[in-house]
Amino acid sequence: PAAGRAKVVQCHGVFDLLHIGHIRHLQEARQLGD
């Protein structure tokens, strides 16, 4: 119930060597939900 009002965003991938493109992609994803 505590998460009932949350808007959930999922990203999926390999993320083999995390780089700035990944970070910006994930930051944009977080802005689309809670």
PDB file of all heavy atoms in Angstrom:
ATOM      1  N   PRO A   1       0.814  -1.229   0.000  1.00  0.00           N
ATOM      2  CA  PRO A   1       0.000   0.000   0.000  1.00  0.00           C
ATOM      3  C   PRO A   1       0.838   1.266   0.000  1.00  0.00           C
ATOM      4  O   PRO A   1       0.469   2.264  -0.626  1.00  0.00           O
ATOM      5  CB  PRO A   1      -0.818  -0.120   1.284  1.00  0.00           C
ATOM      6  CG  PRO A   1      -0.904  -1.593   1.527  1.00  0.00           C
ATOM      7  CD  PRO A   1       0.397  -2.163   1.072  1.00  0.00           C
ATOM      8  N   ALA A   2       2.005   1.241   0.686  1.00  0.00           N
ATOM      9  CA  ALA A   2       2.839   2.442   0.764  1.00  0.00           C
ATOM     10  C   ALA A   2       3.354   2.867  -0.596  1.00  0.00           C
ATOM     11  O   ALA A   2       3.704   4.027  -0.818  1.00  0.00           O
ATOM     12  CB  ALA A   2       4.027   2.188   1.699  1.00  0.00           C
ATOM     13  N   ALA A   3       3.417   1.926  -1.543  1.00  0.00           N
ATOM     14  CA  ALA A   3       3.904   2.240  -2.884  1.00  0.00           C
ATOM     15  C   ALA A   3       2.768   2.428  -3.879  1.00  0.00           C
ATOM     16  O   ALA A   3       3.001   2.602  -5.068  1.00  0.00           O
ATOM     17  CB  ALA A   3       4.825   1.119  -3.372  1.00  0.00           C
ATOM     18  N   GLY A   4       1.552   2.399  -3.377  1.00  0.00           N
ATOM     19  CA  GLY A   4       0.385   2.394  -4.258  1.00  0.00           C
ATOM     20  C   GLY A   4       0.256   3.603  -5.146  1.00  0.00           C
ATOM     21  O   GLY A   4      -0.303   3.509  -6.235  1.00  0.00           O
ATOM     22  N   ARG A   5       0.750   4.741  -4.687  1.00  0.00           N
ATOM     23  CA  ARG A   5       0.614   5.961  -5.481  1.00  0.00           C
ATOM     24  C   ARG A   5       1.837   6.214  -6.362  1.00  0.00           C
ATOM     25  O   ARG A   5       1.900   7.207  -7.065  1.00  0.00           O
ATOM     26  CB  ARG A   5       0.383   7.163  -4.558  1.00  0.00           C
ATOM     27  CG  ARG A   5      -0.949   7.127  -3.825  1.00  0.00           C
ATOM     28  CD  ARG A   5      -1.186   8.410  -3.044  1.00  0.00           C
ATOM     29  NE  ARG A   5      -0.110   8.651  -2.074  1.00  0.00           N
ATOM     30  CZ  ARG A   5      -0.086   8.116  -0.853  1.00  0.00           C
ATOM     31  NH1 ARG A   5      -1.050   7.293  -0.471  1.00  0.00           N
ATOM     32  NH2 ARG A   5       0.894   8.388  -0.027  1.00  0.00           N
ATOM     33  N   ALA A   6       2.841   5.327  -6.309  1.00  0.00           N
ATOM     34  CA  ALA A   6       4.071   5.545  -7.062  1.00  0.00           C
ATOM     35  C   ALA A   6       3.895   5.198  -8.530  1.00  0.00           C
ATOM     36  O   ALA A   6       3.260   4.202  -8.873  1.00  0.00           O
ATOM     37  CB  ALA A   6       5.201   4.704  -6.473  1.00  0.00           C
ATOM     38  N   LYS A   7       4.457   6.043  -9.385  1.00  0.00           N
ATOM     39  CA  LYS A   7       4.519   5.741 -10.819  1.00  0.00           C
ATOM     40  C   LYS A   7       5.865   5.084 -11.080  1.00  0.00           C
ATOM     41  O   LYS A   7       6.920   5.687 -10.862  1.00  0.00           O
ATOM     42  CB  LYS A   7       4.371   7.010 -11.641  1.00  0.00           C
ATOM     43  CG  LYS A   7       4.348   6.753 -13.147  1.00  0.00           C
ATOM     44  CD  LYS A   7       4.137   8.051 -13.929  1.00  0.00           C
ATOM     45  CE  LYS A   7       4.078   7.783 -15.427  1.00  0.00           C
ATOM     46  NZ  LYS A   7       3.889   9.049 -16.195  1.00  0.00           N
ATOM     47  N   VAL A   8       5.836   3.838 -11.542  1.00  0.00           N
ATOM     48  CA  VAL A   8       7.053   3.037 -11.664  1.00  0.00           C
ATOM     49  C   VAL A   8       7.566   3.055 -13.103  1.00  0.00           C
ATOM     50  O   VAL A   8       6.805   2.857 -14.055  1.00  0.00           O
ATOM     51  CB  VAL A   8       6.798   1.580 -11.222  1.00  0.00           C
ATOM     52  CG1 VAL A   8       8.057   0.730 -11.411  1.00  0.00           C
ATOM     53  CG2 VAL A   8       6.337   1.549  -9.771  1.00  0.00           C
ATOM     54  N   VAL A   9       8.868   3.269 -13.241  1.00  0.00           N
ATOM     55  CA  VAL A   9       9.549   3.240 -14.532  1.00  0.00           C
ATOM     56  C   VAL A   9      10.582   2.117 -14.493  1.00  0.00           C
ATOM     57  O   VAL A   9      11.305   1.968 -13.509  1.00  0.00           O
ATOM     58  CB  VAL A   9      10.247   4.575 -14.841  1.00  0.00           C
ATOM     59  CG1 VAL A   9      10.928   4.518 -16.211  1.00  0.00           C
ATOM     60  CG2 VAL A   9       9.269   5.724 -14.774  1.00  0.00           C
ATOM     61  N   GLN A  10      10.635   1.338 -15.559  1.00  0.00           N
ATOM     62  CA  GLN A  10      11.632   0.270 -15.651  1.00  0.00           C
ATOM     63  C   GLN A  10      12.541   0.499 -16.841  1.00  0.00           C
ATOM     64  O   GLN A  10      12.094   0.840 -17.937  1.00  0.00           O
ATOM     65  CB  GLN A  10      10.964  -1.100 -15.799  1.00  0.00           C
ATOM     66  CG  GLN A  10      11.957  -2.263 -15.925  1.00  0.00           C
ATOM     67  CD  GLN A  10      11.280  -3.587 -16.242  1.00  0.00           C
ATOM     68  OE1 GLN A  10      10.046  -3.692 -16.236  1.00  0.00           O
ATOM     69  NE2 GLN A  10      12.068  -4.613 -16.534  1.00  0.00           N
ATOM     70  N   CYS A  11      13.844   0.351 -16.612  1.00  0.00           N
ATOM     71  CA  CYS A  11      14.830   0.332 -17.684  1.00  0.00           C
ATOM     72  C   CYS A  11      15.503  -1.031 -17.662  1.00  0.00           C
ATOM     73  O   CYS A  11      15.659  -1.642 -16.598  1.00  0.00           O
ATOM     74  CB  CYS A  11      15.890   1.419 -17.498  1.00  0.00           C
ATOM     75  SG  CYS A  11      15.294   3.101 -17.753  1.00  0.00           S
ATOM     76  N   HIS A  12      15.922  -1.482 -18.819  1.00  0.00           N
ATOM     77  CA  HIS A  12      16.534  -2.809 -18.902  1.00  0.00           C
ATOM     78  C   HIS A  12      17.681  -2.784 -19.895  1.00  0.00           C
ATOM     79  O   HIS A  12      17.602  -2.130 -20.938  1.00  0.00           O
ATOM     80  CB  HIS A  12      15.501  -3.846 -19.362  1.00  0.00           C
ATOM     81  CG  HIS A  12      16.070  -5.225 -19.512  1.00  0.00           C
ATOM     82  ND1 HIS A  12      16.218  -6.081 -18.458  1.00  0.00           N
ATOM     83  CD2 HIS A  12      16.547  -5.884 -20.606  1.00  0.00           C
ATOM     84  CE1 HIS A  12      16.740  -7.221 -18.883  1.00  0.00           C
ATOM     85  NE2 HIS A  12      16.956  -7.120 -20.184  1.00  0.00           N
ATOM     86  N   GLY A  13      18.756  -3.488 -19.561  1.00  0.00           N
ATOM     87  CA  GLY A  13      19.872  -3.571 -20.491  1.00  0.00           C
ATOM     88  C   GLY A  13      21.034  -4.323 -19.896  1.00  0.00           C
ATOM     89  O   GLY A  13      20.951  -4.888 -18.804  1.00  0.00           O
ATOM     90  N   VAL A  14      22.156  -4.304 -20.626  1.00  0.00           N
ATOM     91  CA  VAL A  14      23.372  -4.966 -20.152  1.00  0.00           C
ATOM     92  C   VAL A  14      24.141  -4.040 -19.222  1.00  0.00           C
ATOM     93  O   VAL A  14      24.634  -4.456 -18.172  1.00  0.00           O
ATOM     94  CB  VAL A  14      24.253  -5.386 -21.350  1.00  0.00           C
ATOM     95  CG1 VAL A  14      25.569  -5.993 -20.876  1.00  0.00           C
ATOM     96  CG2 VAL A  14      23.506  -6.386 -22.226  1.00  0.00           C
ATOM     97  N   PHE A  15      24.296  -2.766 -19.606  1.00  0.00           N
ATOM     98  CA  PHE A  15      25.031  -1.765 -18.824  1.00  0.00           C
ATOM     99  C   PHE A  15      26.442  -2.260 -18.512  1.00  0.00           C
ATOM    100  O   PHE A  15      26.926  -2.163 -17.389  1.00  0.00           O
ATOM    101  CB  PHE A  15      24.272  -1.409 -17.530  1.00  0.00           C
ATOM    102  CG  PHE A  15      22.910  -0.839 -17.770  1.00  0.00           C
ATOM    103  CD1 PHE A  15      21.779  -1.627 -17.629  1.00  0.00           C
ATOM    104  CD2 PHE A  15      22.745   0.483 -18.160  1.00  0.00           C
ATOM    105  CE1 PHE A  15      20.507  -1.108 -17.859  1.00  0.00           C
ATOM    106  CE2 PHE A  15      21.475   1.014 -18.397  1.00  0.00           C
ATOM    107  CZ  PHE A  15      20.354   0.211 -18.243  1.00  0.00           C
ATOM    108  N   ASP A  16      27.089  -2.786 -19.558  1.00  0.00           N
ATOM    109  CA  ASP A  16      28.452  -3.297 -19.424  1.00  0.00           C
ATOM    110  C   ASP A  16      29.418  -2.143 -19.681  1.00  0.00           C
ATOM    111  O   ASP A  16      29.623  -1.737 -20.818  1.00  0.00           O
ATOM    112  CB  ASP A  16      28.661  -4.426 -20.441  1.00  0.00           C
ATOM    113  CG  ASP A  16      29.878  -5.269 -20.141  1.00  0.00           C
ATOM    114  OD1 ASP A  16      30.411  -5.169 -19.030  1.00  0.00           O
ATOM    115  OD2 ASP A  16      30.274  -6.057 -21.018  1.00  0.00           O
ATOM    116  N   LEU A  17      29.977  -1.613 -18.640  1.00  0.00           N
ATOM    117  CA  LEU A  17      30.751  -0.384 -18.603  1.00  0.00           C
ATOM    118  C   LEU A  17      29.790   0.812 -18.593  1.00  0.00           C
ATOM    119  O   LEU A  17      29.342   1.305 -19.637  1.00  0.00           O
ATOM    120  CB  LEU A  17      31.724  -0.251 -19.778  1.00  0.00           C
ATOM    121  CG  LEU A  17      32.637   0.986 -19.742  1.00  0.00           C
ATOM    122  CD1 LEU A  17      33.542   0.946 -18.508  1.00  0.00           C
ATOM    123  CD2 LEU A  17      33.487   1.091 -20.994  1.00  0.00           C
ATOM    124  N   LEU A  18      29.428   1.224 -17.401  1.00  0.00           N
ATOM    125  CA  LEU A  18      28.495   2.340 -17.209  1.00  0.00           C
ATOM    126  C   LEU A  18      29.155   3.626 -17.696  1.00  0.00           C
ATOM    127  O   LEU A  18      30.281   3.954 -17.301  1.00  0.00           O
ATOM    128  CB  LEU A  18      28.143   2.442 -15.726  1.00  0.00           C
ATOM    129  CG  LEU A  18      27.004   3.366 -15.336  1.00  0.00           C
ATOM    130  CD1 LEU A  18      25.695   2.900 -15.937  1.00  0.00           C
ATOM    131  CD2 LEU A  18      26.891   3.422 -13.812  1.00  0.00           C
ATOM    132  N   HIS A  19      28.471   4.380 -18.579  1.00  0.00           N
ATOM    133  CA  HIS A  19      29.053   5.594 -19.129  1.00  0.00           C
ATOM    134  C   HIS A  19      28.033   6.735 -19.085  1.00  0.00           C
ATOM    135  O   HIS A  19      26.879   6.536 -18.668  1.00  0.00           O
ATOM    136  CB  HIS A  19      29.567   5.359 -20.549  1.00  0.00           C
ATOM    137  CG  HIS A  19      28.538   4.823 -21.500  1.00  0.00           C
ATOM    138  ND1 HIS A  19      27.496   5.568 -21.993  1.00  0.00           N
ATOM    139  CD2 HIS A  19      28.405   3.592 -22.073  1.00  0.00           C
ATOM    140  CE1 HIS A  19      26.768   4.851 -22.819  1.00  0.00           C
ATOM    141  NE2 HIS A  19      27.287   3.629 -22.882  1.00  0.00           N
ATOM    142  N   ILE A  20      28.443   7.909 -19.542  1.00  0.00           N
ATOM    143  CA  ILE A  20      27.618   9.109 -19.409  1.00  0.00           C
ATOM    144  C   ILE A  20      26.301   8.969 -20.166  1.00  0.00           C
ATOM    145  O   ILE A  20      25.267   9.486 -19.727  1.00  0.00           O
ATOM    146  CB  ILE A  20      28.393  10.369 -19.891  1.00  0.00           C
ATOM    147  CG1 ILE A  20      27.610  11.649 -19.584  1.00  0.00           C
ATOM    148  CG2 ILE A  20      28.744  10.255 -21.357  1.00  0.00           C
ATOM    149  CD1 ILE A  20      27.378  11.872 -18.102  1.00  0.00           C
ATOM    150  N   GLY A  21      26.304   8.248 -21.280  1.00  0.00           N
ATOM    151  CA  GLY A  21      25.060   8.030 -22.006  1.00  0.00           C
ATOM    152  C   GLY A  21      24.058   7.254 -21.168  1.00  0.00           C
ATOM    153  O   GLY A  21      22.871   7.581 -21.132  1.00  0.00           O
ATOM    154  N   HIS A  22      24.544   6.191 -20.482  1.00  0.00           N
ATOM    155  CA  HIS A  22      23.675   5.431 -19.580  1.00  0.00           C
ATOM    156  C   HIS A  22      23.129   6.325 -18.470  1.00  0.00           C
ATOM    157  O   HIS A  22      21.933   6.290 -18.141  1.00  0.00           O
ATOM    158  CB  HIS A  22      24.462   4.290 -18.924  1.00  0.00           C
ATOM    159  CG  HIS A  22      24.807   3.164 -19.843  1.00  0.00           C
ATOM    160  ND1 HIS A  22      25.998   2.483 -19.774  1.00  0.00           N
ATOM    161  CD2 HIS A  22      24.113   2.599 -20.860  1.00  0.00           C
ATOM    162  CE1 HIS A  22      26.022   1.534 -20.697  1.00  0.00           C
ATOM    163  NE2 HIS A  22      24.894   1.589 -21.375  1.00  0.00           N
ATOM    164  N   ILE A  23      24.007   7.125 -17.867  1.00  0.00           N
ATOM    165  CA  ILE A  23      23.605   7.957 -16.726  1.00  0.00           C
ATOM    166  C   ILE A  23      22.512   8.943 -17.141  1.00  0.00           C
ATOM    167  O   ILE A  23      21.499   9.109 -16.447  1.00  0.00           O
ATOM    168  CB  ILE A  23      24.829   8.694 -16.149  1.00  0.00           C
ATOM    169  CG1 ILE A  23      25.794   7.674 -15.525  1.00  0.00           C
ATOM    170  CG2 ILE A  23      24.400   9.737 -15.107  1.00  0.00           C
ATOM    171  CD1 ILE A  23      27.128   8.258 -15.131  1.00  0.00           C
ATOM    172  N   ARG A  24      22.687   9.589 -18.284  1.00  0.00           N
ATOM    173  CA  ARG A  24      21.669  10.548 -18.743  1.00  0.00           C
ATOM    174  C   ARG A  24      20.363   9.827 -19.089  1.00  0.00           C
ATOM    175  O   ARG A  24      19.280  10.351 -18.832  1.00  0.00           O
ATOM    176  CB  ARG A  24      22.198  11.316 -19.953  1.00  0.00           C
ATOM    177  CG  ARG A  24      23.336  12.266 -19.601  1.00  0.00           C
ATOM    178  CD  ARG A  24      23.884  12.984 -20.819  1.00  0.00           C
ATOM    179  NE  ARG A  24      24.949  13.904 -20.447  1.00  0.00           N
ATOM    180  CZ  ARG A  24      25.677  14.594 -21.315  1.00  0.00           C
ATOM    181  NH1 ARG A  24      25.435  14.465 -22.623  1.00  0.00           N
ATOM    182  NH2 ARG A  24      26.621  15.407 -20.903  1.00  0.00           N
ATOM    183  N   HIS A  25      20.485   8.641 -19.667  1.00  0.00           N
ATOM    184  CA  HIS A  25      19.308   7.827 -19.983  1.00  0.00           C
ATOM    185  C   HIS A  25      18.530   7.491 -18.704  1.00  0.00           C
ATOM    186  O   HIS A  25      17.292   7.622 -18.653  1.00  0.00           O
ATOM    187  CB  HIS A  25      19.786   6.554 -20.679  1.00  0.00           C
ATOM    188  CG  HIS A  25      18.734   5.504 -20.856  1.00  0.00           C
ATOM    189  ND1 HIS A  25      17.679   5.635 -21.728  1.00  0.00           N
ATOM    190  CD2 HIS A  25      18.584   4.283 -20.275  1.00  0.00           C
ATOM    191  CE1 HIS A  25      16.925   4.551 -21.684  1.00  0.00           C
ATOM    192  NE2 HIS A  25      17.448   3.716 -20.809  1.00  0.00           N
ATOM    193  N   LEU A  26      19.232   7.096 -17.660  1.00  0.00           N
ATOM    194  CA  LEU A  26      18.577   6.727 -16.405  1.00  0.00           C
ATOM    195  C   LEU A  26      18.021   7.945 -15.675  1.00  0.00           C
ATOM    196  O   LEU A  26      16.959   7.873 -15.044  1.00  0.00           O
ATOM    197  CB  LEU A  26      19.561   5.967 -15.514  1.00  0.00           C
ATOM    198  CG  LEU A  26      20.013   4.609 -16.084  1.00  0.00           C
ATOM    199  CD1 LEU A  26      21.146   4.024 -15.253  1.00  0.00           C
ATOM    200  CD2 LEU A  26      18.841   3.634 -16.148  1.00  0.00           C
ATOM    201  N   GLN A  27      18.720   9.055 -15.763  1.00  0.00           N
ATOM    202  CA  GLN A  27      18.196  10.277 -15.146  1.00  0.00           C
ATOM    203  C   GLN A  27      16.906  10.716 -15.837  1.00  0.00           C
ATOM    204  O   GLN A  27      15.958  11.156 -15.162  1.00  0.00           O
ATOM    205  CB  GLN A  27      19.252  11.394 -15.226  1.00  0.00           C
ATOM    206  CG  GLN A  27      20.428  11.186 -14.273  1.00  0.00           C
ATOM    207  CD  GLN A  27      21.533  12.210 -14.483  1.00  0.00           C
ATOM    208  OE1 GLN A  27      21.688  12.769 -15.575  1.00  0.00           O
ATOM    209  NE2 GLN A  27      22.312  12.458 -13.441  1.00  0.00           N
ATOM    210  N   GLU A  28      16.862  10.596 -17.149  1.00  0.00           N
ATOM    211  CA  GLU A  28      15.635  10.933 -17.879  1.00  0.00           C
ATOM    212  C   GLU A  28      14.515   9.976 -17.487  1.00  0.00           C
ATOM    213  O   GLU A  28      13.359  10.384 -17.312  1.00  0.00           O
ATOM    214  CB  GLU A  28      15.883  10.861 -19.384  1.00  0.00           C
ATOM    215  CG  GLU A  28      14.636  11.160 -20.212  1.00  0.00           C
ATOM    216  CD  GLU A  28      14.892  11.135 -21.707  1.00  0.00           C
ATOM    217  OE1 GLU A  28      16.057  11.272 -22.114  1.00  0.00           O
ATOM    218  OE2 GLU A  28      13.918  10.972 -22.464  1.00  0.00           O
ATOM    219  N   ALA A  29      14.858   8.715 -17.325  1.00  0.00           N
ATOM    220  CA  ALA A  29      13.857   7.725 -16.927  1.00  0.00           C
ATOM    221  C   ALA A  29      13.267   8.059 -15.568  1.00  0.00           C
ATOM    222  O   ALA A  29      12.051   7.980 -15.363  1.00  0.00           O
ATOM    223  CB  ALA A  29      14.489   6.335 -16.895  1.00  0.00           C
ATOM    224  N   ARG A  30      14.118   8.455 -14.630  1.00  0.00           N
ATOM    225  CA  ARG A  30      13.638   8.767 -13.265  1.00  0.00           C
ATOM    226  C   ARG A  30      12.678   9.945 -13.267  1.00  0.00           C
ATOM    227  O   ARG A  30      11.743  10.013 -12.458  1.00  0.00           O
ATOM    228  CB  ARG A  30      14.838   9.059 -12.353  1.00  0.00           C
ATOM    229  CG  ARG A  30      14.475   9.277 -10.882  1.00  0.00           C
ATOM    230  CD  ARG A  30      13.812   8.017 -10.313  1.00  0.00           C
ATOM    231  NE  ARG A  30      13.562   8.144  -8.887  1.00  0.00           N
ATOM    232  CZ  ARG A  30      12.552   8.814  -8.356  1.00  0.00           C
ATOM    233  NH1 ARG A  30      11.691   9.432  -9.152  1.00  0.00           N
ATOM    234  NH2 ARG A  30      12.383   8.874  -7.049  1.00  0.00           N
ATOM    235  N   GLN A  31      12.875  10.872 -14.203  1.00  0.00           N
ATOM    236  CA  GLN A  31      12.000  12.035 -14.285  1.00  0.00           C
ATOM    237  C   GLN A  31      10.607  11.684 -14.794  1.00  0.00           C
ATOM    238  O   GLN A  31       9.670  12.470 -14.644  1.00  0.00           O
ATOM    239  CB  GLN A  31      12.634  13.100 -15.194  1.00  0.00           C
ATOM    240  CG  GLN A  31      13.906  13.704 -14.615  1.00  0.00           C
ATOM    241  CD  GLN A  31      14.626  14.603 -15.601  1.00  0.00           C
ATOM    242  OE1 GLN A  31      14.134  14.809 -16.717  1.00  0.00           O
ATOM    243  NE2 GLN A  31      15.774  15.130 -15.209  1.00  0.00           N
ATOM    244  N   LEU A  32      10.467  10.484 -15.366  1.00  0.00           N
ATOM    245  CA  LEU A  32       9.168  10.067 -15.893  1.00  0.00           C
ATOM    246  C   LEU A  32       8.288   9.405 -14.838  1.00  0.00           C
ATOM    247  O   LEU A  32       7.137   9.062 -15.119  1.00  0.00           O
ATOM    248  CB  LEU A  32       9.369   9.087 -17.061  1.00  0.00           C
ATOM    249  CG  LEU A  32      10.092   9.638 -18.298  1.00  0.00           C
ATOM    250  CD1 LEU A  32      10.258   8.533 -19.337  1.00  0.00           C
ATOM    251  CD2 LEU A  32       9.319  10.814 -18.897  1.00  0.00           C
ATOM    252  N   GLY A  33       8.797   9.205 -13.638  1.00  0.00           N
ATOM    253  CA  GLY A  33       8.011   8.540 -12.601  1.00  0.00           C
ATOM    254  C   GLY A  33       8.538   8.811 -11.210  1.00  0.00           C
ATOM    255  O   GLY A  33       9.393   9.680 -10.998  1.00  0.00           O
ATOM    256  N   ASP A  34       8.017   8.036 -10.247  1.00  0.00           N
ATOM    257  CA  ASP A  34       8.405   8.199  -8.848  1.00  0.00           C
ATOM    258  C   ASP A  34       9.427   7.157  -8.402  1.00  0.00           C
ATOM    259  O   ASP A  34      10.089   7.328  -7.382  1.00  0.00           O
ATOM    260  CB  ASP A  34       7.166   8.061  -7.957  1.00  0.00           C
ATOM    261  CG  ASP A  34       6.066   9.022  -8.364  1.00  0.00           C
ATOM    262  OD1 ASP A  34       6.333  10.235  -8.382  1.00  0.00           O
ATOM    263  OD2 ASP A  34       4.961   8.559  -8.700  1.00  0.00           O
TER     264      ASP A  34
END
